[in-house]
N, C-alpha and C. Protein backbone atom coordinates (compact mmCIF):
# COMPACT_ATOMS: atom_id res chain seq x y z
N MET A 1 102.06 128.06 137.25
CA MET A 1 103.25 128.89 137.37
C MET A 1 103.01 130.21 136.65
N LYS A 2 103.53 131.26 137.19
CA LYS A 2 103.39 132.58 136.59
C LYS A 2 104.35 132.72 135.41
N HIS A 3 103.95 133.52 134.46
CA HIS A 3 104.80 133.82 133.31
C HIS A 3 105.35 135.22 133.48
N LEU A 4 106.65 135.36 133.29
CA LEU A 4 107.31 136.65 133.43
C LEU A 4 107.75 137.17 132.08
N THR A 5 107.77 138.49 131.96
CA THR A 5 108.38 139.08 130.78
C THR A 5 109.89 138.93 130.91
N GLU A 6 110.58 139.21 129.83
CA GLU A 6 112.04 139.13 129.85
C GLU A 6 112.62 140.08 130.90
N VAL A 7 112.07 141.28 131.01
CA VAL A 7 112.55 142.26 131.99
C VAL A 7 112.22 141.81 133.41
N GLN A 8 111.03 141.28 133.63
CA GLN A 8 110.66 140.80 134.97
C GLN A 8 111.57 139.65 135.39
N ALA A 9 111.85 138.75 134.48
CA ALA A 9 112.74 137.63 134.80
C ALA A 9 114.15 138.14 135.10
N PHE A 10 114.60 139.13 134.35
CA PHE A 10 115.91 139.74 134.58
C PHE A 10 115.96 140.34 135.98
N ASN A 11 114.90 141.08 136.35
CA ASN A 11 114.84 141.68 137.68
C ASN A 11 114.77 140.63 138.78
N ALA A 12 114.11 139.52 138.53
CA ALA A 12 114.07 138.42 139.50
C ALA A 12 115.47 137.84 139.69
N MET A 13 116.21 137.70 138.59
CA MET A 13 117.59 137.21 138.68
C MET A 13 118.44 138.16 139.51
N ILE A 14 118.26 139.46 139.28
CA ILE A 14 119.02 140.45 140.05
C ILE A 14 118.69 140.33 141.53
N LYS A 15 117.41 140.19 141.86
CA LYS A 15 117.01 140.05 143.26
C LYS A 15 117.65 138.82 143.89
N PHE A 16 117.66 137.70 143.16
CA PHE A 16 118.28 136.48 143.63
C PHE A 16 119.77 136.72 143.90
N LEU A 17 120.44 137.38 142.97
CA LEU A 17 121.87 137.65 143.13
C LEU A 17 122.13 138.61 144.29
N GLU A 18 121.24 139.59 144.49
CA GLU A 18 121.39 140.51 145.63
C GLU A 18 121.31 139.76 146.95
N LEU A 19 120.36 138.84 147.05
CA LEU A 19 120.24 138.04 148.27
C LEU A 19 121.49 137.19 148.49
N TYR A 20 121.99 136.61 147.42
CA TYR A 20 123.22 135.81 147.51
C TYR A 20 124.39 136.70 147.94
N TYR A 21 124.46 137.89 147.36
CA TYR A 21 125.54 138.81 147.70
C TYR A 21 125.48 139.20 149.18
N GLU A 22 124.28 139.45 149.69
CA GLU A 22 124.13 139.83 151.10
C GLU A 22 124.66 138.74 152.03
N ARG A 23 124.52 137.48 151.62
CA ARG A 23 125.00 136.37 152.46
C ARG A 23 126.50 136.15 152.33
N THR A 24 127.04 136.39 151.15
CA THR A 24 128.43 136.02 150.88
C THR A 24 129.40 137.19 150.77
N LEU A 25 128.89 138.36 150.43
CA LEU A 25 129.72 139.54 150.15
C LEU A 25 130.79 139.24 149.08
N SER A 26 130.44 138.40 148.15
CA SER A 26 131.34 138.01 147.07
C SER A 26 131.62 139.20 146.16
N ASP A 27 132.91 139.52 145.97
CA ASP A 27 133.28 140.61 145.08
C ASP A 27 132.84 140.33 143.64
N ASP A 28 132.91 139.07 143.23
CA ASP A 28 132.50 138.71 141.87
C ASP A 28 131.01 138.98 141.66
N ILE A 29 130.20 138.61 142.63
CA ILE A 29 128.75 138.85 142.52
C ILE A 29 128.46 140.34 142.57
N GLY A 30 129.17 141.06 143.43
CA GLY A 30 128.99 142.51 143.51
C GLY A 30 129.32 143.19 142.19
N SER A 31 130.38 142.76 141.56
CA SER A 31 130.77 143.30 140.26
C SER A 31 129.72 142.98 139.21
N LEU A 32 129.24 141.75 139.21
CA LEU A 32 128.20 141.34 138.27
C LEU A 32 126.94 142.18 138.46
N LEU A 33 126.54 142.40 139.71
CA LEU A 33 125.36 143.21 139.98
C LEU A 33 125.53 144.64 139.45
N GLY A 34 126.74 145.17 139.55
CA GLY A 34 127.00 146.49 139.01
C GLY A 34 126.79 146.53 137.50
N ASP A 35 127.23 145.48 136.82
CA ASP A 35 127.08 145.40 135.36
C ASP A 35 125.62 145.26 134.95
N LEU A 36 124.80 144.65 135.80
CA LEU A 36 123.42 144.35 135.46
C LEU A 36 122.44 145.48 135.74
N GLN A 37 122.87 146.50 136.46
CA GLN A 37 121.97 147.59 136.83
C GLN A 37 121.52 148.36 135.60
N PHE A 38 120.22 148.72 135.59
CA PHE A 38 119.68 149.53 134.51
C PHE A 38 120.05 150.99 134.72
N LEU A 39 120.47 151.63 133.67
CA LEU A 39 120.80 153.05 133.70
C LEU A 39 119.57 153.87 133.30
N LYS A 40 119.67 155.18 133.39
CA LYS A 40 118.54 156.04 133.05
C LYS A 40 118.09 155.87 131.60
N ASP A 41 119.01 155.47 130.73
CA ASP A 41 118.65 155.30 129.32
C ASP A 41 117.96 153.96 129.05
N GLY A 42 117.77 153.16 130.11
CA GLY A 42 117.07 151.88 129.97
C GLY A 42 117.97 150.72 129.60
N LYS A 43 119.25 150.98 129.43
CA LYS A 43 120.20 149.92 129.12
C LYS A 43 120.93 149.51 130.38
N THR A 44 121.53 148.32 130.35
CA THR A 44 122.32 147.87 131.49
C THR A 44 123.67 148.57 131.47
N ALA A 45 124.30 148.65 132.65
CA ALA A 45 125.60 149.29 132.75
C ALA A 45 126.60 148.64 131.80
N ASP A 46 126.50 147.35 131.63
CA ASP A 46 127.30 146.63 130.63
C ASP A 46 126.32 146.12 129.58
N PRO A 47 126.26 146.79 128.42
CA PRO A 47 125.29 146.39 127.40
C PRO A 47 125.40 144.92 126.98
N ALA A 48 126.59 144.35 127.07
CA ALA A 48 126.76 142.95 126.71
C ALA A 48 126.00 142.05 127.67
N ALA A 49 125.79 142.50 128.91
CA ALA A 49 125.06 141.69 129.90
C ALA A 49 123.63 141.46 129.44
N TRP A 50 122.98 142.49 128.89
CA TRP A 50 121.61 142.33 128.42
C TRP A 50 121.58 141.40 127.21
N GLN A 51 122.54 141.53 126.32
CA GLN A 51 122.59 140.66 125.15
C GLN A 51 122.80 139.21 125.57
N ASP A 52 123.68 138.99 126.54
CA ASP A 52 123.90 137.63 127.06
C ASP A 52 122.60 137.08 127.64
N TRP A 53 121.87 137.92 128.39
CA TRP A 53 120.59 137.52 128.99
C TRP A 53 119.60 137.13 127.90
N SER A 54 119.48 137.96 126.88
CA SER A 54 118.56 137.68 125.78
C SER A 54 118.92 136.37 125.08
N ASN A 55 120.20 136.15 124.90
CA ASN A 55 120.65 134.90 124.28
C ASN A 55 120.28 133.69 125.14
N CYS A 56 120.41 133.83 126.44
CA CYS A 56 120.05 132.73 127.35
C CYS A 56 118.55 132.45 127.30
N ILE A 57 117.75 133.51 127.26
CA ILE A 57 116.30 133.34 127.15
C ILE A 57 115.96 132.53 125.90
N CYS A 58 116.55 132.93 124.78
CA CYS A 58 116.29 132.23 123.51
C CYS A 58 116.71 130.77 123.59
N GLU A 59 117.86 130.52 124.18
CA GLU A 59 118.38 129.15 124.30
C GLU A 59 117.46 128.28 125.16
N VAL A 60 117.01 128.82 126.28
CA VAL A 60 116.13 128.06 127.18
C VAL A 60 114.79 127.79 126.52
N LEU A 61 114.24 128.81 125.85
CA LEU A 61 112.95 128.62 125.17
C LEU A 61 113.06 127.60 124.05
N GLU A 62 114.15 127.64 123.31
CA GLU A 62 114.35 126.68 122.22
C GLU A 62 114.47 125.25 122.78
N LYS A 63 115.20 125.12 123.87
CA LYS A 63 115.36 123.81 124.50
C LYS A 63 114.02 123.30 125.00
N SER A 64 113.20 124.20 125.54
CA SER A 64 111.87 123.79 126.02
C SER A 64 110.99 123.29 124.88
N LYS A 65 111.08 123.95 123.73
CA LYS A 65 110.30 123.52 122.57
C LYS A 65 110.68 122.12 122.13
N LYS A 66 111.98 121.83 122.17
CA LYS A 66 112.47 120.52 121.73
C LYS A 66 112.05 119.42 122.70
N GLN A 67 111.92 119.77 123.99
CA GLN A 67 111.55 118.78 124.99
C GLN A 67 110.04 118.53 125.02
N ALA A 68 109.28 119.45 124.45
CA ALA A 68 107.81 119.32 124.48
C ALA A 68 107.31 118.33 123.46
């Protein structure tokens, strides 16, 4: 399996959500995608979205360590 950086994994999640949005036209997913977009300053439109993502990465990695 390939290993992704945090940013690559974030972009993969966005791509997945874009595909889901194209099929469903869900307003909730569309709004979420707007919050997740990177701005020119390198931050997400909703800075809390990146922090939530980072927290999830840490949680998943910690859980993986415990299962190993």
